[in-house]
Amino acid sequence: MKSHIHDHHQEYVDRLNKLLDKVDESPKPLNPNELCELAKEIKFNAGGNINHEFYWESLAPISEEGGVAPHS
């Protein structure tokens, strides 16, 4: 699991941050084609992050606001 957290999930977070920085730090307004391409990549990496956050929360004990028991 440590490998999954520190490598796979972290890649989504790192790539998402780089993409958002690219938008924020652009010296000129991005054209519509650039924005559409970045939006696809942002959506993909944000989705990967959200899916992993849900996964980790689901693994936590119910007492710590984790997922519900499978038989519920």
PDB file of N, CA and C in Angstrom:
ATOM      1  N   MET A   1       0.809  -1.191   0.000  1.00  0.00           N
ATOM      2  CA  MET A   1       0.000   0.000   0.000  1.00  0.00           C
ATOM      3  C   MET A   1       0.856   1.260   0.000  1.00  0.00           C
ATOM      4  N   LYS A   2       1.997   1.210   0.685  1.00  0.00           N
ATOM      5  CA  LYS A   2       2.854   2.401   0.700  1.00  0.00           C
ATOM      6  C   LYS A   2       3.278   2.767  -0.709  1.00  0.00           C
ATOM      7  N   SER A   3       3.594   1.768  -1.502  1.00  0.00           N
ATOM      8  CA  SER A   3       3.988   2.021  -2.888  1.00  0.00           C
ATOM      9  C   SER A   3       2.833   2.647  -3.654  1.00  0.00           C
ATOM     10  N   HIS A   4       1.643   2.155  -3.413  1.00  0.00           N
ATOM     11  CA  HIS A   4       0.471   2.677  -4.116  1.00  0.00           C
ATOM     12  C   HIS A   4       0.237   4.138  -3.751  1.00  0.00           C
ATOM     13  N   ILE A   5       0.382   4.467  -2.471  1.00  0.00           N
ATOM     14  CA  ILE A   5       0.174   5.844  -2.020  1.00  0.00           C
ATOM     15  C   ILE A   5       1.274   6.756  -2.546  1.00  0.00           C
ATOM     16  N   HIS A   6       2.515   6.350  -2.327  1.00  0.00           N
ATOM     17  CA  HIS A   6       3.640   7.246  -2.601  1.00  0.00           C
ATOM     18  C   HIS A   6       4.027   7.309  -4.072  1.00  0.00           C
ATOM     19  N   ASP A   7       3.657   6.329  -4.828  1.00  0.00           N
ATOM     20  CA  ASP A   7       4.022   6.359  -6.243  1.00  0.00           C
ATOM     21  C   ASP A   7       2.810   6.657  -7.118  1.00  0.00           C
ATOM     22  N   HIS A   8       1.895   5.739  -7.157  1.00  0.00           N
ATOM     23  CA  HIS A   8       0.773   5.834  -8.087  1.00  0.00           C
ATOM     24  C   HIS A   8      -0.141   7.024  -7.780  1.00  0.00           C
ATOM     25  N   HIS A   9      -0.668   7.101  -6.586  1.00  0.00           N
ATOM     26  CA  HIS A   9      -1.572   8.193  -6.236  1.00  0.00           C
ATOM     27  C   HIS A   9      -0.842   9.539  -6.285  1.00  0.00           C
ATOM     28  N   GLN A  10       0.373   9.567  -5.805  1.00  0.00           N
ATOM     29  CA  GLN A  10       1.136  10.819  -5.784  1.00  0.00           C
ATOM     30  C   GLN A  10       1.387  11.347  -7.190  1.00  0.00           C
ATOM     31  N   GLU A  11       1.497  10.454  -8.171  1.00  0.00           N
ATOM     32  CA  GLU A  11       1.681  10.896  -9.563  1.00  0.00           C
ATOM     33  C   GLU A  11       0.504  11.740 -10.024  1.00  0.00           C
ATOM     34  N   TYR A  12      -0.711  11.311  -9.684  1.00  0.00           N
ATOM     35  CA  TYR A  12      -1.893  12.098 -10.057  1.00  0.00           C
ATOM     36  C   TYR A  12      -1.833  13.486  -9.428  1.00  0.00           C
ATOM     37  N   VAL A  13      -1.485  13.546  -8.161  1.00  0.00           N
ATOM     38  CA  VAL A  13      -1.424  14.825  -7.441  1.00  0.00           C
ATOM     39  C   VAL A  13      -0.347  15.722  -8.045  1.00  0.00           C
ATOM     40  N   ASP A  14       0.831  15.174  -8.270  1.00  0.00           N
ATOM     41  CA  ASP A  14       1.931  15.965  -8.833  1.00  0.00           C
ATOM     42  C   ASP A  14       1.598  16.497 -10.218  1.00  0.00           C
ATOM     43  N   ARG A  15       1.052  15.633 -11.068  1.00  0.00           N
ATOM     44  CA  ARG A  15       0.704  16.076 -12.430  1.00  0.00           C
ATOM     45  C   ARG A  15      -0.393  17.130 -12.405  1.00  0.00           C
ATOM     46  N   LEU A  16      -1.381  16.943 -11.527  1.00  0.00           N
ATOM     47  CA  LEU A  16      -2.459  17.921 -11.414  1.00  0.00           C
ATOM     48  C   LEU A  16      -1.907  19.272 -10.975  1.00  0.00           C
ATOM     49  N   ASN A  17      -1.041  19.281  -9.984  1.00  0.00           N
ATOM     50  CA  ASN A  17      -0.442  20.539  -9.521  1.00  0.00           C
ATOM     51  C   ASN A  17       0.359  21.221 -10.616  1.00  0.00           C
ATOM     52  N   LYS A  18       1.112  20.461 -11.396  1.00  0.00           N
ATOM     53  CA  LYS A  18       1.892  21.048 -12.500  1.00  0.00           C
ATOM     54  C   LYS A  18       0.977  21.668 -13.549  1.00  0.00           C
ATOM     55  N   LEU A  19      -0.113  20.981 -13.856  1.00  0.00           N
ATOM     56  CA  LEU A  19      -1.048  21.503 -14.854  1.00  0.00           C
ATOM     57  C   LEU A  19      -1.707  22.791 -14.369  1.00  0.00           C
ATOM     58  N   LEU A  20      -2.102  22.812 -13.103  1.00  0.00           N
ATOM     59  CA  LEU A  20      -2.732  24.018 -12.557  1.00  0.00           C
ATOM     60  C   LEU A  20      -1.740  25.172 -12.504  1.00  0.00           C
ATOM     61  N   ASP A  21      -0.484  24.863 -12.175  1.00  0.00           N
ATOM     62  CA  ASP A  21       0.556  25.898 -12.192  1.00  0.00           C
ATOM     63  C   ASP A  21       0.752  26.437 -13.602  1.00  0.00           C
ATOM     64  N   LYS A  22       0.687  25.549 -14.585  1.00  0.00           N
ATOM     65  CA  LYS A  22       0.861  25.961 -15.977  1.00  0.00           C
ATOM     66  C   LYS A  22      -0.216  26.972 -16.374  1.00  0.00           C
ATOM     67  N   VAL A  23      -1.430  26.745 -15.933  1.00  0.00           N
ATOM     68  CA  VAL A  23      -2.519  27.674 -16.231  1.00  0.00           C
ATOM     69  C   VAL A  23      -2.298  28.990 -15.494  1.00  0.00           C
ATOM     70  N   ASP A  24      -1.986  28.906 -14.207  1.00  0.00           N
ATOM     71  CA  ASP A  24      -1.811  30.110 -13.382  1.00  0.00           C
ATOM     72  C   ASP A  24      -0.620  30.955 -13.809  1.00  0.00           C
ATOM     73  N   GLU A  25       0.451  30.319 -14.231  1.00  0.00           N
ATOM     74  CA  GLU A  25       1.704  31.030 -14.506  1.00  0.00           C
ATOM     75  C   GLU A  25       1.916  31.363 -15.976  1.00  0.00           C
ATOM     76  N   SER A  26       0.927  31.097 -16.798  1.00  0.00           N
ATOM     77  CA  SER A  26       1.075  31.391 -18.221  1.00  0.00           C
ATOM     78  C   SER A  26       1.263  32.897 -18.411  1.00  0.00           C
ATOM     79  N   PRO A  27       2.324  33.295 -19.155  1.00  0.00           N
ATOM     80  CA  PRO A  27       2.587  34.727 -19.355  1.00  0.00           C
ATOM     81  C   PRO A  27       1.543  35.402 -20.238  1.00  0.00           C
ATOM     82  N   LYS A  28       0.817  34.617 -20.990  1.00  0.00           N
ATOM     83  CA  LYS A  28      -0.225  35.174 -21.860  1.00  0.00           C
ATOM     84  C   LYS A  28      -1.472  34.298 -21.732  1.00  0.00           C
ATOM     85  N   PRO A  29      -2.629  34.834 -22.063  1.00  0.00           N
ATOM     86  CA  PRO A  29      -3.835  33.999 -22.018  1.00  0.00           C
ATOM     87  C   PRO A  29      -3.688  32.785 -22.948  1.00  0.00           C
ATOM     88  N   LEU A  30      -4.120  31.652 -22.477  1.00  0.00           N
ATOM     89  CA  LEU A  30      -4.052  30.441 -23.302  1.00  0.00           C
ATOM     90  C   LEU A  30      -5.170  30.476 -24.335  1.00  0.00           C
ATOM     91  N   ASN A  31      -4.873  29.978 -25.520  1.00  0.00           N
ATOM     92  CA  ASN A  31      -5.901  29.952 -26.552  1.00  0.00           C
ATOM     93  C   ASN A  31      -6.871  28.794 -26.268  1.00  0.00           C
ATOM     94  N   PRO A  32      -8.037  28.797 -26.903  1.00  0.00           N
ATOM     95  CA  PRO A  32      -9.040  27.767 -26.619  1.00  0.00           C
ATOM     96  C   PRO A  32      -8.531  26.332 -26.804  1.00  0.00           C
ATOM     97  N   ASN A  33      -7.699  26.098 -27.811  1.00  0.00           N
ATOM     98  CA  ASN A  33      -7.168  24.752 -28.032  1.00  0.00           C
ATOM     99  C   ASN A  33      -6.267  24.318 -26.874  1.00  0.00           C
ATOM    100  N   GLU A  34      -5.424  25.238 -26.419  1.00  0.00           N
ATOM    101  CA  GLU A  34      -4.547  24.934 -25.276  1.00  0.00           C
ATOM    102  C   GLU A  34      -5.386  24.659 -24.023  1.00  0.00           C
ATOM    103  N   LEU A  35      -6.405  25.479 -23.809  1.00  0.00           N
ATOM    104  CA  LEU A  35      -7.262  25.297 -22.638  1.00  0.00           C
ATOM    105  C   LEU A  35      -8.003  23.963 -22.680  1.00  0.00           C
ATOM    106  N   CYS A  36      -8.500  23.589 -23.846  1.00  0.00           N
ATOM    107  CA  CYS A  36      -9.214  22.317 -23.977  1.00  0.00           C
ATOM    108  C   CYS A  36      -8.289  21.137 -23.700  1.00  0.00           C
ATOM    109  N   GLU A  37      -7.073  21.196 -24.207  1.00  0.00           N
ATOM    110  CA  GLU A  37      -6.115  20.115 -23.977  1.00  0.00           C
ATOM    111  C   GLU A  37      -5.744  20.029 -22.495  1.00  0.00           C
ATOM    112  N   LEU A  38      -5.492  21.178 -21.886  1.00  0.00           N
ATOM    113  CA  LEU A  38      -5.184  21.191 -20.450  1.00  0.00           C
ATOM    114  C   LEU A  38      -6.375  20.713 -19.627  1.00  0.00           C
ATOM    115  N   ALA A  39      -7.578  21.096 -20.039  1.00  0.00           N
ATOM    116  CA  ALA A  39      -8.776  20.682 -19.297  1.00  0.00           C
ATOM    117  C   ALA A  39      -8.903  19.159 -19.286  1.00  0.00           C
ATOM    118  N   LYS A  40      -8.602  18.508 -20.404  1.00  0.00           N
ATOM    119  CA  LYS A  40      -8.656  17.037 -20.468  1.00  0.00           C
ATOM    120  C   LYS A  40      -7.669  16.423 -19.480  1.00  0.00           C
ATOM    121  N   GLU A  41      -6.464  16.953 -19.463  1.00  0.00           N
ATOM    122  CA  GLU A  41      -5.432  16.421 -18.580  1.00  0.00           C
ATOM    123  C   GLU A  41      -5.754  16.718 -17.114  1.00  0.00           C
ATOM    124  N   ILE A  42      -6.288  17.909 -16.854  1.00  0.00           N
ATOM    125  CA  ILE A  42      -6.672  18.266 -15.491  1.00  0.00           C
ATOM    126  C   ILE A  42      -7.791  17.343 -15.016  1.00  0.00           C
ATOM    127  N   LYS A  43      -8.783  17.120 -15.864  1.00  0.00           N
ATOM    128  CA  LYS A  43      -9.903  16.244 -15.516  1.00  0.00           C
ATOM    129  C   LYS A  43      -9.404  14.824 -15.219  1.00  0.00           C
ATOM    130  N   PHE A  44      -8.520  14.314 -16.045  1.00  0.00           N
ATOM    131  CA  PHE A  44      -7.998  12.960 -15.859  1.00  0.00           C
ATOM    132  C   PHE A  44      -7.257  12.839 -14.526  1.00  0.00           C
ATOM    133  N   ASN A  45      -6.352  13.770 -14.251  1.00  0.00           N
ATOM    134  CA  ASN A  45      -5.549  13.692 -13.036  1.00  0.00           C
ATOM    135  C   ASN A  45      -6.360  14.026 -11.782  1.00  0.00           C
ATOM    136  N   ALA A  46      -7.279  14.972 -11.890  1.00  0.00           N
ATOM    137  CA  ALA A  46      -8.158  15.261 -10.751  1.00  0.00           C
ATOM    138  C   ALA A  46      -9.034  14.050 -10.453  1.00  0.00           C
ATOM    139  N   GLY A  47      -9.523  13.397 -11.501  1.00  0.00           N
ATOM    140  CA  GLY A  47     -10.332  12.186 -11.317  1.00  0.00           C
ATOM    141  C   GLY A  47      -9.541  11.076 -10.660  1.00  0.00           C
ATOM    142  N   GLY A  48      -8.297  10.907 -11.069  1.00  0.00           N
ATOM    143  CA  GLY A  48      -7.438   9.895 -10.450  1.00  0.00           C
ATOM    144  C   GLY A  48      -7.223  10.176  -8.980  1.00  0.00           C
ATOM    145  N   ASN A  49      -7.047  11.436  -8.647  1.00  0.00           N
ATOM    146  CA  ASN A  49      -6.877  11.819  -7.248  1.00  0.00           C
ATOM    147  C   ASN A  49      -8.163  11.565  -6.458  1.00  0.00           C
ATOM    148  N   ILE A  50      -9.295  11.992  -6.989  1.00  0.00           N
ATOM    149  CA  ILE A  50     -10.578  11.811  -6.304  1.00  0.00           C
ATOM    150  C   ILE A  50     -10.872  10.328  -6.093  1.00  0.00           C
ATOM    151  N   ASN A  51     -10.640   9.515  -7.117  1.00  0.00           N
ATOM    152  CA  ASN A  51     -10.880   8.075  -6.981  1.00  0.00           C
ATOM    153  C   ASN A  51     -10.008   7.465  -5.894  1.00  0.00           C
ATOM    154  N   HIS A  52      -8.761   7.891  -5.826  1.00  0.00           N
ATOM    155  CA  HIS A  52      -7.869   7.359  -4.794  1.00  0.00           C
ATOM    156  C   HIS A  52      -8.267   7.850  -3.402  1.00  0.00           C
ATOM    157  N   GLU A  53      -8.680   9.097  -3.286  1.00  0.00           N
ATOM    158  CA  GLU A  53      -9.145   9.599  -1.992  1.00  0.00           C
ATOM    159  C   GLU A  53     -10.330   8.762  -1.507  1.00  0.00           C
ATOM    160  N   PHE A  54     -11.264   8.476  -2.404  1.00  0.00           N
ATOM    161  CA  PHE A  54     -12.415   7.641  -2.061  1.00  0.00           C
ATOM    162  C   PHE A  54     -11.954   6.247  -1.630  1.00  0.00           C
ATOM    163  N   TYR A  55     -11.003   5.702  -2.343  1.00  0.00           N
ATOM    164  CA  TYR A  55     -10.458   4.378  -2.031  1.00  0.00           C
ATOM    165  C   TYR A  55      -9.863   4.353  -0.622  1.00  0.00           C
ATOM    166  N   TRP A  56      -9.023   5.352  -0.307  1.00  0.00           N
ATOM    167  CA  TRP A  56      -8.397   5.377   1.015  1.00  0.00           C
ATOM    168  C   TRP A  56      -9.441   5.556   2.114  1.00  0.00           C
ATOM    169  N   GLU A  57     -10.417   6.427   1.890  1.00  0.00           N
ATOM    170  CA  GLU A  57     -11.467   6.622   2.885  1.00  0.00           C
ATOM    171  C   GLU A  57     -12.277   5.350   3.099  1.00  0.00           C
ATOM    172  N   SER A  58     -12.465   4.595   2.028  1.00  0.00           N
ATOM    173  CA  SER A  58     -13.225   3.353   2.130  1.00  0.00           C
ATOM    174  C   SER A  58     -12.486   2.296   2.945  1.00  0.00           C
ATOM    175  N   LEU A  59     -11.175   2.394   3.004  1.00  0.00           N
ATOM    176  CA  LEU A  59     -10.382   1.426   3.762  1.00  0.00           C
ATOM    177  C   LEU A  59     -10.343   1.746   5.255  1.00  0.00           C
ATOM    178  N   ALA A  60     -10.690   2.966   5.631  1.00  0.00           N
ATOM    179  CA  ALA A  60     -10.639   3.361   7.041  1.00  0.00           C
ATOM    180  C   ALA A  60     -11.761   2.660   7.806  1.00  0.00           C
ATOM    181  N   PRO A  61     -11.559   2.437   9.095  1.00  0.00           N
ATOM    182  CA  PRO A  61     -12.629   1.861   9.907  1.00  0.00           C
ATOM    183  C   PRO A  61     -13.847   2.780   9.938  1.00  0.00           C
ATOM    184  N   ILE A  62     -15.020   2.201  10.053  1.00  0.00           N
ATOM    185  CA  ILE A  62     -16.252   2.991  10.092  1.00  0.00           C
ATOM    186  C   ILE A  62     -16.189   3.987  11.240  1.00  0.00           C
ATOM    187  N   SER A  63     -15.585   3.591  12.352  1.00  0.00           N
ATOM    188  CA  SER A  63     -15.481   4.486  13.500  1.00  0.00           C
ATOM    189  C   SER A  63     -14.679   5.739  13.208  1.00  0.00           C
ATOM    190  N   GLU A  64     -13.882   5.686  12.152  1.00  0.00           N
ATOM    191  CA  GLU A  64     -13.087   6.852  11.750  1.00  0.00           C
ATOM    192  C   GLU A  64     -13.594   7.437  10.433  1.00  0.00           C
ATOM    193  N   GLU A  65     -14.896   7.314  10.226  1.00  0.00           N
ATOM    194  CA  GLU A  65     -15.575   7.842   9.046  1.00  0.00           C
ATOM    195  C   GLU A  65     -15.148   7.186   7.746  1.00  0.00           C
ATOM    196  N   GLY A  66     -14.748   5.928   7.822  1.00  0.00           N
ATOM    197  CA  GLY A  66     -14.417   5.172   6.629  1.00  0.00           C
ATOM    198  C   GLY A  66     -15.667   4.624   5.972  1.00  0.00           C
ATOM    199  N   GLY A  67     -15.455   3.716   5.050  1.00  0.00           N
ATOM    200  CA  GLY A  67     -16.571   3.129   4.313  1.00  0.00           C
ATOM    201  C   GLY A  67     -17.458   2.287   5.202  1.00  0.00           C
ATOM    202  N   VAL A  68     -18.639   1.991   4.678  1.00  0.00           N
ATOM    203  CA  VAL A  68     -19.572   1.156   5.421  1.00  0.00           C
ATOM    204  C   VAL A  68     -19.225  -0.315   5.206  1.00  0.00           C
ATOM    205  N   ALA A  69     -19.659  -1.133   6.131  1.00  0.00           N
ATOM    206  CA  ALA A  69     -19.398  -2.571   6.028  1.00  0.00           C
ATOM    207  C   ALA A  69     -20.096  -3.118   4.779  1.00  0.00           C
ATOM    208  N   PRO A  70     -19.476  -4.087   4.077  1.00  0.00           N
ATOM    209  CA  PRO A  70     -20.031  -4.607   2.841  1.00  0.00           C
ATOM    210  C   PRO A  70     -21.431  -5.193   2.991  1.00  0.00           C
ATOM    211  N   HIS A  71     -21.768  -5.732   4.137  1.00  0.00           N
ATOM    212  CA  HIS A  71     -23.070  -6.375   4.331  1.00  0.00           C
ATOM    213  C   HIS A  71     -24.176  -5.376   4.692  1.00  0.00           C
ATOM    214  N   SER A  72     -23.856  -4.093   4.850  1.00  0.00           N
ATOM    215  CA  SER A  72     -24.862  -3.097   5.231  1.00  0.00           C
ATOM    216  C   SER A  72     -25.665  -2.657   4.029  1.00  0.00           C
TER     217      SER A  72
END
